[in-house]
PDB file of all heavy atoms in Angstrom:
ATOM      1  N   ARG A   1       8.234  24.883  11.006  1.00  0.00           N
ATOM      2  CA  ARG A   1       7.227  25.533  11.831  1.00  0.00           C
ATOM      3  C   ARG A   1       7.092  27.007  11.426  1.00  0.00           C
ATOM      4  O   ARG A   1       8.092  27.688  11.187  1.00  0.00           O
ATOM      5  CB  ARG A   1       7.601  25.432  13.309  1.00  0.00           C
ATOM      6  CG  ARG A   1       6.579  26.049  14.254  1.00  0.00           C
ATOM      7  CD  ARG A   1       7.007  25.891  15.712  1.00  0.00           C
ATOM      8  NE  ARG A   1       6.040  26.497  16.604  1.00  0.00           N
ATOM      9  CZ  ARG A   1       4.932  25.918  17.032  1.00  0.00           C
ATOM     10  NH1 ARG A   1       4.663  24.671  16.638  1.00  0.00           N
ATOM     11  NH2 ARG A   1       4.094  26.530  17.840  1.00  0.00           N
ATOM     12  N   VAL A   2       5.860  27.491  11.367  1.00  0.00           N
ATOM     13  CA  VAL A   2       5.605  28.894  11.050  1.00  0.00           C
ATOM     14  C   VAL A   2       5.607  29.688  12.358  1.00  0.00           C
ATOM     15  O   VAL A   2       4.642  29.664  13.118  1.00  0.00           O
ATOM     16  CB  VAL A   2       4.254  29.070  10.321  1.00  0.00           C
ATOM     17  CG1 VAL A   2       4.012  30.545  10.011  1.00  0.00           C
ATOM     18  CG2 VAL A   2       4.224  28.240   9.048  1.00  0.00           C
ATOM     19  N   ASP A   3       6.687  30.384  12.621  1.00  0.00           N
ATOM     20  CA  ASP A   3       6.789  31.200  13.836  1.00  0.00           C
ATOM     21  C   ASP A   3       6.284  32.620  13.617  1.00  0.00           C
ATOM     22  O   ASP A   3       5.754  33.245  14.525  1.00  0.00           O
ATOM     23  CB  ASP A   3       8.245  31.227  14.320  1.00  0.00           C
ATOM     24  CG  ASP A   3       8.723  29.852  14.772  1.00  0.00           C
ATOM     25  OD1 ASP A   3       7.945  29.145  15.447  1.00  0.00           O
ATOM     26  OD2 ASP A   3       9.859  29.475  14.418  1.00  0.00           O
ATOM     27  N   ASP A   4       6.479  33.134  12.405  1.00  0.00           N
ATOM     28  CA  ASP A   4       6.046  34.492  12.074  1.00  0.00           C
ATOM     29  C   ASP A   4       5.246  34.444  10.777  1.00  0.00           C
ATOM     30  O   ASP A   4       5.819  34.358   9.685  1.00  0.00           O
ATOM     31  CB  ASP A   4       7.259  35.411  11.917  1.00  0.00           C
ATOM     32  CG  ASP A   4       6.850  36.861  11.629  1.00  0.00           C
ATOM     33  OD1 ASP A   4       5.642  37.134  11.486  1.00  0.00           O
ATOM     34  OD2 ASP A   4       7.755  37.706  11.532  1.00  0.00           O
ATOM     35  N   PRO A   5       3.900  34.485  10.855  1.00  0.00           N
ATOM     36  CA  PRO A   5       3.071  34.388   9.648  1.00  0.00           C
ATOM     37  C   PRO A   5       3.341  35.495   8.634  1.00  0.00           C
ATOM     38  O   PRO A   5       3.002  35.346   7.461  1.00  0.00           O
ATOM     39  CB  PRO A   5       1.643  34.492  10.188  1.00  0.00           C
ATOM     40  CG  PRO A   5       1.746  34.088  11.620  1.00  0.00           C
ATOM     41  CD  PRO A   5       3.088  34.565  12.080  1.00  0.00           C
ATOM     42  N   GLY A   6       3.932  36.600   9.042  1.00  0.00           N
ATOM     43  CA  GLY A   6       4.208  37.698   8.123  1.00  0.00           C
ATOM     44  C   GLY A   6       5.525  37.551   7.390  1.00  0.00           C
ATOM     45  O   GLY A   6       5.850  38.383   6.535  1.00  0.00           O
ATOM     46  N   LYS A   7       6.290  36.520   7.699  1.00  0.00           N
ATOM     47  CA  LYS A   7       7.596  36.327   7.080  1.00  0.00           C
ATOM     48  C   LYS A   7       7.551  35.131   6.137  1.00  0.00           C
ATOM     49  O   LYS A   7       7.048  34.063   6.486  1.00  0.00           O
ATOM     50  CB  LYS A   7       8.659  36.102   8.161  1.00  0.00           C
ATOM     51  CG  LYS A   7      10.075  35.989   7.616  1.00  0.00           C
ATOM     52  CD  LYS A   7      11.075  35.813   8.747  1.00  0.00           C
ATOM     53  CE  LYS A   7      12.485  35.699   8.211  1.00  0.00           C
ATOM     54  NZ  LYS A   7      13.475  35.514   9.308  1.00  0.00           N
ATOM     55  N   ALA A   8       8.066  35.331   4.944  1.00  0.00           N
ATOM     56  CA  ALA A   8       8.060  34.249   3.945  1.00  0.00           C
ATOM     57  C   ALA A   8       8.949  33.094   4.384  1.00  0.00           C
ATOM     58  O   ALA A   8       9.999  33.293   5.008  1.00  0.00           O
ATOM     59  CB  ALA A   8       8.529  34.778   2.601  1.00  0.00           C
ATOM     60  N   ILE A   9       8.532  31.887   4.077  1.00  0.00           N
ATOM     61  CA  ILE A   9       9.318  30.688   4.340  1.00  0.00           C
ATOM     62  C   ILE A   9       9.804  30.141   3.003  1.00  0.00           C
ATOM     63  O   ILE A   9       9.028  30.028   2.062  1.00  0.00           O
ATOM     64  CB  ILE A   9       8.487  29.627   5.087  1.00  0.00           C
ATOM     65  CG1 ILE A   9       8.162  30.120   6.500  1.00  0.00           C
ATOM     66  CG2 ILE A   9       9.241  28.303   5.149  1.00  0.00           C
ATOM     67  CD1 ILE A   9       7.293  29.152   7.282  1.00  0.00           C
ATOM     68  N   GLU A  10      11.076  29.794   2.932  1.00  0.00           N
ATOM     69  CA  GLU A  10      11.644  29.270   1.698  1.00  0.00           C
ATOM     70  C   GLU A  10      12.186  27.864   1.913  1.00  0.00           C
ATOM     71  O   GLU A  10      12.784  27.572   2.952  1.00  0.00           O
ATOM     72  CB  GLU A  10      12.771  30.168   1.191  1.00  0.00           C
ATOM     73  CG  GLU A  10      12.313  31.520   0.679  1.00  0.00           C
ATOM     74  CD  GLU A  10      13.442  32.290   0.029  1.00  0.00           C
ATOM     75  OE1 GLU A  10      14.628  31.885   0.202  1.00  0.00           O
ATOM     76  OE2 GLU A  10      13.173  33.288  -0.655  1.00  0.00           O
ATOM     77  N   PHE A  11      11.964  27.015   0.924  1.00  0.00           N
ATOM     78  CA  PHE A  11      12.577  25.689   0.881  1.00  0.00           C
ATOM     79  C   PHE A  11      13.385  25.612  -0.413  1.00  0.00           C
ATOM     80  O   PHE A  11      12.902  25.988  -1.475  1.00  0.00           O
ATOM     81  CB  PHE A  11      11.502  24.597   0.896  1.00  0.00           C
ATOM     82  CG  PHE A  11      10.606  24.641   2.104  1.00  0.00           C
ATOM     83  CD1 PHE A  11       9.377  25.273   2.049  1.00  0.00           C
ATOM     84  CD2 PHE A  11      11.003  24.065   3.298  1.00  0.00           C
ATOM     85  CE1 PHE A  11       8.543  25.319   3.156  1.00  0.00           C
ATOM     86  CE2 PHE A  11      10.183  24.105   4.416  1.00  0.00           C
ATOM     87  CZ  PHE A  11       8.952  24.734   4.345  1.00  0.00           C
ATOM     88  N   LYS A  12      14.612  25.122  -0.315  1.00  0.00           N
ATOM     89  CA  LYS A  12      15.490  25.111  -1.482  1.00  0.00           C
ATOM     90  C   LYS A  12      16.145  23.741  -1.649  1.00  0.00           C
ATOM     91  O   LYS A  12      16.460  23.067  -0.670  1.00  0.00           O
ATOM     92  CB  LYS A  12      16.597  26.167  -1.335  1.00  0.00           C
ATOM     93  CG  LYS A  12      16.073  27.603  -1.275  1.00  0.00           C
ATOM     94  CD  LYS A  12      17.233  28.584  -1.146  1.00  0.00           C
ATOM     95  CE  LYS A  12      16.746  30.026  -1.074  1.00  0.00           C
ATOM     96  NZ  LYS A  12      17.870  30.993  -0.968  1.00  0.00           N
ATOM     97  N   GLU A  13      16.336  23.381  -2.887  1.00  0.00           N
ATOM     98  CA  GLU A  13      17.109  22.171  -3.194  1.00  0.00           C
ATOM     99  C   GLU A  13      17.950  22.423  -4.439  1.00  0.00           C
ATOM    100  O   GLU A  13      17.524  23.114  -5.365  1.00  0.00           O
ATOM    101  CB  GLU A  13      16.200  20.963  -3.411  1.00  0.00           C
ATOM    102  CG  GLU A  13      15.168  21.148  -4.510  1.00  0.00           C
ATOM    103  CD  GLU A  13      14.343  19.898  -4.741  1.00  0.00           C
ATOM    104  OE1 GLU A  13      14.945  18.810  -4.832  1.00  0.00           O
ATOM    105  OE2 GLU A  13      13.109  20.009  -4.858  1.00  0.00           O
ATOM    106  N   THR A  14      19.143  21.891  -4.442  1.00  0.00           N
ATOM    107  CA  THR A  14      20.031  21.971  -5.601  1.00  0.00           C
ATOM    108  C   THR A  14      20.503  20.560  -5.918  1.00  0.00           C
ATOM    109  O   THR A  14      21.036  19.876  -5.042  1.00  0.00           O
ATOM    110  CB  THR A  14      21.251  22.863  -5.311  1.00  0.00           C
ATOM    111  OG1 THR A  14      20.805  24.163  -4.917  1.00  0.00           O
ATOM    112  CG2 THR A  14      22.122  22.982  -6.548  1.00  0.00           C
ATOM    113  N   PHE A  15      20.255  20.120  -7.128  1.00  0.00           N
ATOM    114  CA  PHE A  15      20.651  18.762  -7.494  1.00  0.00           C
ATOM    115  C   PHE A  15      21.163  18.740  -8.922  1.00  0.00           C
ATOM    116  O   PHE A  15      20.946  19.673  -9.695  1.00  0.00           O
ATOM    117  CB  PHE A  15      19.474  17.780  -7.334  1.00  0.00           C
ATOM    118  CG  PHE A  15      18.266  18.132  -8.153  1.00  0.00           C
ATOM    119  CD1 PHE A  15      18.120  17.656  -9.445  1.00  0.00           C
ATOM    120  CD2 PHE A  15      17.259  18.934  -7.625  1.00  0.00           C
ATOM    121  CE1 PHE A  15      17.012  17.970 -10.206  1.00  0.00           C
ATOM    122  CE2 PHE A  15      16.135  19.256  -8.369  1.00  0.00           C
ATOM    123  CZ  PHE A  15      16.015  18.772  -9.672  1.00  0.00           C
ATOM    124  N   GLU A  16      21.878  17.689  -9.259  1.00  0.00           N
ATOM    125  CA  GLU A  16      22.378  17.525 -10.620  1.00  0.00           C
ATOM    126  C   GLU A  16      21.912  16.180 -11.168  1.00  0.00           C
ATOM    127  O   GLU A  16      21.630  15.239 -10.431  1.00  0.00           O
ATOM    128  CB  GLU A  16      23.902  17.614 -10.665  1.00  0.00           C
ATOM    129  CG  GLU A  16      24.626  16.522  -9.915  1.00  0.00           C
ATOM    130  CD  GLU A  16      26.145  16.661 -10.007  1.00  0.00           C
ATOM    131  OE1 GLU A  16      26.610  17.691 -10.528  1.00  0.00           O
ATOM    132  OE2 GLU A  16      26.852  15.727  -9.565  1.00  0.00           O
ATOM    133  N   TYR A  17      21.809  16.121 -12.482  1.00  0.00           N
ATOM    134  CA  TYR A  17      21.387  14.886 -13.146  1.00  0.00           C
ATOM    135  C   TYR A  17      22.009  14.842 -14.530  1.00  0.00           C
ATOM    136  O   TYR A  17      22.455  15.858 -15.065  1.00  0.00           O
ATOM    137  CB  TYR A  17      19.853  14.815 -13.246  1.00  0.00           C
ATOM    138  CG  TYR A  17      19.237  15.878 -14.117  1.00  0.00           C
ATOM    139  CD1 TYR A  17      18.910  15.617 -15.445  1.00  0.00           C
ATOM    140  CD2 TYR A  17      18.999  17.160 -13.625  1.00  0.00           C
ATOM    141  CE1 TYR A  17      18.361  16.598 -16.259  1.00  0.00           C
ATOM    142  CE2 TYR A  17      18.452  18.147 -14.427  1.00  0.00           C
ATOM    143  CZ  TYR A  17      18.132  17.859 -15.735  1.00  0.00           C
ATOM    144  OH  TYR A  17      17.592  18.841 -16.533  1.00  0.00           O
ATOM    145  N   THR A  18      22.049  13.668 -15.102  1.00  0.00           N
ATOM    146  CA  THR A  18      22.585  13.477 -16.444  1.00  0.00           C
ATOM    147  C   THR A  18      21.436  13.264 -17.414  1.00  0.00           C
ATOM    148  O   THR A  18      20.554  12.434 -17.170  1.00  0.00           O
ATOM    149  CB  THR A  18      23.535  12.267 -16.491  1.00  0.00           C
ATOM    150  OG1 THR A  18      24.601  12.480 -15.569  1.00  0.00           O
ATOM    151  CG2 THR A  18      24.100  12.076 -17.895  1.00  0.00           C
ATOM    152  N   SER A  19      21.441  14.005 -18.491  1.00  0.00           N
ATOM    153  CA  SER A  19      20.388  13.900 -19.497  1.00  0.00           C
ATOM    154  C   SER A  19      21.009  13.552 -20.835  1.00  0.00           C
ATOM    155  O   SER A  19      22.054  14.092 -21.196  1.00  0.00           O
ATOM    156  CB  SER A  19      19.616  15.223 -19.597  1.00  0.00           C
ATOM    157  OG  SER A  19      18.612  15.161 -20.584  1.00  0.00           O
ATOM    158  N   PHE A  20      20.368  12.643 -21.571  1.00  0.00           N
ATOM    159  CA  PHE A  20      20.922  12.249 -22.858  1.00  0.00           C
ATOM    160  C   PHE A  20      19.804  11.832 -23.806  1.00  0.00           C
ATOM    161  O   PHE A  20      18.722  11.421 -23.373  1.00  0.00           O
ATOM    162  CB  PHE A  20      21.924  11.098 -22.710  1.00  0.00           C
ATOM    163  CG  PHE A  20      21.403   9.926 -21.943  1.00  0.00           C
ATOM    164  CD1 PHE A  20      20.712   8.899 -22.585  1.00  0.00           C
ATOM    165  CD2 PHE A  20      21.592   9.835 -20.571  1.00  0.00           C
ATOM    166  CE1 PHE A  20      20.225   7.824 -21.878  1.00  0.00           C
ATOM    167  CE2 PHE A  20      21.100   8.752 -19.847  1.00  0.00           C
ATOM    168  CZ  PHE A  20      20.416   7.742 -20.500  1.00  0.00           C
ATOM    169  N   ALA A  21      20.054  11.969 -25.095  1.00  0.00           N
ATOM    170  CA  ALA A  21      19.091  11.519 -26.093  1.00  0.00           C
ATOM    171  C   ALA A  21      19.060   9.994 -26.111  1.00  0.00           C
ATOM    172  O   ALA A  21      20.023   9.321 -25.722  1.00  0.00           O
ATOM    173  CB  ALA A  21      19.470  12.057 -27.470  1.00  0.00           C
ATOM    174  N   TYR A  22      17.927   9.454 -26.564  1.00  0.00           N
ATOM    175  CA  TYR A  22      17.776   8.003 -26.638  1.00  0.00           C
ATOM    176  C   TYR A  22      17.272   7.658 -28.028  1.00  0.00           C
ATOM    177  O   TYR A  22      16.174   8.070 -28.421  1.00  0.00           O
ATOM    178  CB  TYR A  22      16.788   7.533 -25.567  1.00  0.00           C
ATOM    179  CG  TYR A  22      16.654   6.033 -25.471  1.00  0.00           C
ATOM    180  CD1 TYR A  22      17.757   5.237 -25.181  1.00  0.00           C
ATOM    181  CD2 TYR A  22      15.429   5.415 -25.673  1.00  0.00           C
ATOM    182  CE1 TYR A  22      17.647   3.864 -25.094  1.00  0.00           C
ATOM    183  CE2 TYR A  22      15.302   4.040 -25.587  1.00  0.00           C
ATOM    184  CZ  TYR A  22      16.411   3.265 -25.291  1.00  0.00           C
ATOM    185  OH  TYR A  22      16.286   1.897 -25.219  1.00  0.00           O
ATOM    186  N   TYR A  23      18.093   6.928 -28.800  1.00  0.00           N
ATOM    187  CA  TYR A  23      17.730   6.619 -30.172  1.00  0.00           C
ATOM    188  C   TYR A  23      18.066   5.169 -30.492  1.00  0.00           C
ATOM    189  O   TYR A  23      19.037   4.874 -31.193  1.00  0.00           O
ATOM    190  CB  TYR A  23      18.439   7.561 -31.146  1.00  0.00           C
ATOM    191  CG  TYR A  23      17.876   7.490 -32.550  1.00  0.00           C
ATOM    192  CD1 TYR A  23      16.783   8.269 -32.910  1.00  0.00           C
ATOM    193  CD2 TYR A  23      18.418   6.623 -33.489  1.00  0.00           C
ATOM    194  CE1 TYR A  23      16.241   8.193 -34.175  1.00  0.00           C
ATOM    195  CE2 TYR A  23      17.888   6.542 -34.762  1.00  0.00           C
ATOM    196  CZ  TYR A  23      16.799   7.327 -35.104  1.00  0.00           C
ATOM    197  OH  TYR A  23      16.265   7.235 -36.363  1.00  0.00           O
ATOM    198  N   PRO A  24      17.279   4.233 -29.981  1.00  0.00           N
ATOM    199  CA  PRO A  24      17.510   2.830 -30.332  1.00  0.00           C
ATOM    200  C   PRO A  24      17.119   2.573 -31.786  1.00  0.00           C
ATOM    201  O   PRO A  24      16.237   3.233 -32.337  1.00  0.00           O
ATOM    202  CB  PRO A  24      16.592   2.072 -29.374  1.00  0.00           C
ATOM    203  CG  PRO A  24      15.480   3.034 -29.100  1.00  0.00           C
ATOM    204  CD  PRO A  24      16.128   4.400 -29.093  1.00  0.00           C
ATOM    205  N   LYS A  25      17.764   1.619 -32.403  1.00  0.00           N
ATOM    206  CA  LYS A  25      17.431   1.250 -33.780  1.00  0.00           C
ATOM    207  C   LYS A  25      16.308   0.217 -33.744  1.00  0.00           C
ATOM    208  O   LYS A  25      16.546  -0.968 -33.487  1.00  0.00           O
ATOM    209  CB  LYS A  25      18.662   0.699 -34.495  1.00  0.00           C
ATOM    210  CG  LYS A  25      19.767   1.741 -34.677  1.00  0.00           C
ATOM    211  CD  LYS A  25      20.969   1.159 -35.423  1.00  0.00           C
ATOM    212  CE  LYS A  25      22.048   2.213 -35.621  1.00  0.00           C
ATOM    213  NZ  LYS A  25      23.233   1.666 -36.332  1.00  0.00           N
ATOM    214  N   ILE A  26      15.082   0.688 -33.970  1.00  0.00           N
ATOM    215  CA  ILE A  26      13.930  -0.206 -33.927  1.00  0.00           C
ATOM    216  C   ILE A  26      13.479  -0.545 -35.342  1.00  0.00           C
ATOM    217  O   ILE A  26      13.556   0.285 -36.244  1.00  0.00           O
ATOM    218  CB  ILE A  26      12.779   0.410 -33.106  1.00  0.00           C
ATOM    219  CG1 ILE A  26      12.409   1.791 -33.621  1.00  0.00           C
ATOM    220  CG2 ILE A  26      13.164   0.496 -31.631  1.00  0.00           C
ATOM    221  CD1 ILE A  26      11.270   2.453 -32.865  1.00  0.00           C
ATOM    222  N   ASP A  27      13.020  -1.769 -35.510  1.00  0.00           N
ATOM    223  CA  ASP A  27      12.667  -2.285 -36.834  1.00  0.00           C
ATOM    224  C   ASP A  27      11.378  -3.083 -36.699  1.00  0.00           C
ATOM    225  O   ASP A  27      11.310  -4.037 -35.909  1.00  0.00           O
ATOM    226  CB  ASP A  27      13.813  -3.167 -37.339  1.00  0.00           C
ATOM    227  CG  ASP A  27      13.598  -3.688 -38.756  1.00  0.00           C
ATOM    228  OD1 ASP A  27      12.436  -3.697 -39.222  1.00  0.00           O
ATOM    229  OD2 ASP A  27      14.581  -4.096 -39.394  1.00  0.00           O
ATOM    230  N   GLU A  28      10.364  -2.717 -37.472  1.00  0.00           N
ATOM    231  CA  GLU A  28       9.074  -3.405 -37.398  1.00  0.00           C
ATOM    232  C   GLU A  28       9.206  -4.905 -37.631  1.00  0.00           C
ATOM    233  O   GLU A  28       8.453  -5.698 -37.046  1.00  0.00           O
ATOM    234  CB  GLU A  28       8.103  -2.815 -38.430  1.00  0.00           C
ATOM    235  CG  GLU A  28       7.719  -1.366 -38.173  1.00  0.00           C
ATOM    236  CD  GLU A  28       6.850  -0.805 -39.286  1.00  0.00           C
ATOM    237  OE1 GLU A  28       6.580  -1.552 -40.261  1.00  0.00           O
ATOM    238  OE2 GLU A  28       6.437   0.371 -39.193  1.00  0.00           O
ATOM    239  N   THR A  29      10.143  -5.299 -38.481  1.00  0.00           N
ATOM    240  CA  THR A  29      10.277  -6.719 -38.827  1.00  0.00           C
ATOM    241  C   THR A  29      10.898  -7.541 -37.706  1.00  0.00           C
ATOM    242  O   THR A  29      10.879  -8.778 -37.771  1.00  0.00           O
ATOM    243  CB  THR A  29      11.130  -6.881 -40.100  1.00  0.00           C
ATOM    244  OG1 THR A  29      12.476  -6.441 -39.844  1.00  0.00           O
ATOM    245  CG2 THR A  29      10.547  -6.069 -41.247  1.00  0.00           C
ATOM    246  N   LYS A  30      11.443  -6.891 -36.691  1.00  0.00           N
ATOM    247  CA  LYS A  30      12.109  -7.606 -35.608  1.00  0.00           C
ATOM    248  C   LYS A  30      11.310  -7.598 -34.308  1.00  0.00           C
ATOM    249  O   LYS A  30      11.805  -8.014 -33.257  1.00  0.00           O
ATOM    250  CB  LYS A  30      13.493  -7.004 -35.368  1.00  0.00           C
ATOM    251  CG  LYS A  30      14.426  -7.149 -36.573  1.00  0.00           C
ATOM    252  CD  LYS A  30      15.800  -6.558 -36.306  1.00  0.00           C
ATOM    253  CE  LYS A  30      16.708  -6.712 -37.525  1.00  0.00           C
ATOM    254  NZ  LYS A  30      18.052  -6.124 -37.294  1.00  0.00           N
ATOM    255  N   VAL A  31      10.070  -7.114 -34.347  1.00  0.00           N
ATOM    256  CA  VAL A  31       9.225  -7.084 -33.156  1.00  0.00           C
ATOM    257  C   VAL A  31       8.900  -8.509 -32.709  1.00  0.00           C
ATOM    258  O   VAL A  31       8.618  -9.387 -33.541  1.00  0.00           O
ATOM    259  CB  VAL A  31       7.924  -6.307 -33.433  1.00  0.00           C
ATOM    260  CG1 VAL A  31       6.947  -6.440 -32.278  1.00  0.00           C
ATOM    261  CG2 VAL A  31       8.244  -4.843 -33.692  1.00  0.00           C
ATOM    262  N   GLN A  32       8.943  -8.712 -31.414  1.00  0.00           N
ATOM    263  CA  GLN A  32       8.664 -10.023 -30.831  1.00  0.00           C
ATOM    264  C   GLN A  32       7.415  -9.958 -29.957  1.00  0.00           C
ATOM    265  O   GLN A  32       7.010  -8.872 -29.522  1.00  0.00           O
ATOM    266  CB  GLN A  32       9.858 -10.485 -29.987  1.00  0.00           C
ATOM    267  CG  GLN A  32      11.152 -10.638 -30.763  1.00  0.00           C
ATOM    268  CD  GLN A  32      12.330 -10.970 -29.859  1.00  0.00           C
ATOM    269  OE1 GLN A  32      12.175 -11.140 -28.642  1.00  0.00           O
ATOM    270  NE2 GLN A  32      13.516 -11.061 -30.450  1.00  0.00           N
ATOM    271  N   PRO A  33       6.790 -11.097 -29.672  1.00  0.00           N
ATOM    272  CA  PRO A  33       5.641 -11.106 -28.754  1.00  0.00           C
ATOM    273  C   PRO A  33       6.075 -10.696 -27.351  1.00  0.00           C
ATOM    274  O   PRO A  33       7.267 -10.714 -27.013  1.00  0.00           O
ATOM    275  CB  PRO A  33       5.179 -12.570 -28.778  1.00  0.00           C
ATOM    276  CG  PRO A  33       5.790 -13.159 -30.018  1.00  0.00           C
ATOM    277  CD  PRO A  33       7.080 -12.420 -30.229  1.00  0.00           C
ATOM    278  N   LEU A  34       5.108 -10.326 -26.528  1.00  0.00           N
ATOM    279  CA  LEU A  34       5.399 -10.015 -25.133  1.00  0.00           C
ATOM    280  C   LEU A  34       5.957 -11.248 -24.432  1.00  0.00           C
ATOM    281  O   LEU A  34       5.622 -12.381 -24.810  1.00  0.00           O
ATOM    282  CB  LEU A  34       4.140  -9.543 -24.416  1.00  0.00           C
ATOM    283  CG  LEU A  34       3.610  -8.154 -24.789  1.00  0.00           C
ATOM    284  CD1 LEU A  34       2.237  -7.922 -24.150  1.00  0.00           C
ATOM    285  CD2 LEU A  34       4.580  -7.065 -24.365  1.00  0.00           C
ATOM    286  N   PRO A  35       6.797 -11.065 -23.412  1.00  0.00           N
ATOM    287  CA  PRO A  35       7.314 -12.213 -22.665  1.00  0.00           C
ATOM    288  C   PRO A  35       6.170 -13.068 -22.113  1.00  0.00           C
ATOM    289  O   PRO A  35       5.088 -12.564 -21.794  1.00  0.00           O
ATOM    290  CB  PRO A  35       8.119 -11.566 -21.532  1.00  0.00           C
ATOM    291  CG  PRO A  35       8.477 -10.208 -22.049  1.00  0.00           C
ATOM    292  CD  PRO A  35       7.341  -9.786 -22.913  1.00  0.00           C
ATOM    293  N   SER A  36       6.402 -14.364 -21.985  1.00  0.00           N
ATOM    294  CA  SER A  36       5.357 -15.286 -21.536  1.00  0.00           C
ATOM    295  C   SER A  36       4.880 -14.980 -20.119  1.00  0.00           C
ATOM    296  O   SER A  36       3.765 -15.323 -19.739  1.00  0.00           O
ATOM    297  CB  SER A  36       5.872 -16.722 -21.608  1.00  0.00           C
ATOM    298  OG  SER A  36       7.051 -16.872 -20.815  1.00  0.00           O
ATOM    299  N   ASP A  37       5.734 -14.324 -19.329  1.00  0.00           N
ATOM    300  CA  ASP A  37       5.365 -13.999 -17.944  1.00  0.00           C
ATOM    301  C   ASP A  37       4.911 -12.543 -17.788  1.00  0.00           C
ATOM    302  O   ASP A  37       4.948 -11.992 -16.685  1.00  0.00           O
ATOM    303  CB  ASP A  37       6.533 -14.280 -16.998  1.00  0.00           C
ATOM    304  CG  ASP A  37       7.784 -13.461 -17.339  1.00  0.00           C
ATOM    305  OD1 ASP A  37       7.800 -12.810 -18.423  1.00  0.00           O
ATOM    306  OD2 ASP A  37       8.737 -13.451 -16.538  1.00  0.00           O
ATOM    307  N   TRP A  38       4.471 -11.891 -18.862  1.00  0.00           N
ATOM    308  CA  TRP A  38       4.090 -10.489 -18.798  1.00  0.00           C
ATOM    309  C   TRP A  38       2.877 -10.265 -17.904  1.00  0.00           C
ATOM    310  O   TRP A  38       2.767  -9.263 -17.197  1.00  0.00           O
ATOM    311  CB  TRP A  38       3.828  -9.959 -20.205  1.00  0.00           C
ATOM    312  CG  TRP A  38       3.625  -8.476 -20.236  1.00  0.00           C
ATOM    313  CD1 TRP A  38       2.450  -7.798 -20.362  1.00  0.00           C
ATOM    314  CD2 TRP A  38       4.641  -7.477 -20.082  1.00  0.00           C
ATOM    315  NE1 TRP A  38       2.661  -6.443 -20.317  1.00  0.00           N
ATOM    316  CE2 TRP A  38       3.998  -6.214 -20.148  1.00  0.00           C
ATOM    317  CE3 TRP A  38       6.023  -7.524 -19.900  1.00  0.00           C
ATOM    318  CZ2 TRP A  38       4.706  -5.011 -20.035  1.00  0.00           C
ATOM    319  CZ3 TRP A  38       6.720  -6.330 -19.799  1.00  0.00           C
ATOM    320  CH2 TRP A  38       6.058  -5.095 -19.867  1.00  0.00           C
ATOM    321  N   ASN A  39       1.935 -11.173 -17.948  1.00  0.00           N
ATOM    322  CA  ASN A  39       0.778 -11.171 -17.038  1.00  0.00           C
ATOM    323  C   ASN A  39      -0.079  -9.907 -17.128  1.00  0.00           C
ATOM    324  O   ASN A  39      -0.630  -9.446 -16.118  1.00  0.00           O
ATOM    325  CB  ASN A  39       1.222 -11.390 -15.579  1.00  0.00           C
ATOM    326  CG  ASN A  39       1.844 -12.757 -15.376  1.00  0.00           C
ATOM    327  OD1 ASN A  39       1.406 -13.727 -15.986  1.00  0.00           O
ATOM    328  ND2 ASN A  39       2.859 -12.839 -14.531  1.00  0.00           N
ATOM    329  N   GLY A  40      -0.179  -9.337 -18.302  1.00  0.00           N
ATOM    330  CA  GLY A  40      -1.116  -8.241 -18.506  1.00  0.00           C
ATOM    331  C   GLY A  40      -0.721  -6.902 -17.934  1.00  0.00           C
ATOM    332  O   GLY A  40      -1.556  -5.984 -17.864  1.00  0.00           O
ATOM    333  N   ALA A  41       0.533  -6.719 -17.534  1.00  0.00           N
ATOM    334  CA  ALA A  41       0.954  -5.451 -16.931  1.00  0.00           C
ATOM    335  C   ALA A  41       0.811  -4.305 -17.925  1.00  0.00           C
ATOM    336  O   ALA A  41       1.142  -4.441 -19.111  1.00  0.00           O
ATOM    337  CB  ALA A  41       2.404  -5.543 -16.457  1.00  0.00           C
TER     338      ALA A  41
END
């Protein structure tokens, strides 16, 4: 609630997360068709 319009209101959050590189070994010759139940997603 804004009780004093002349006073700044602050909202703060502090969180942690894990970040990592992603490097799967992909090969054009091993590509497969979409699953039979993909349904156009």
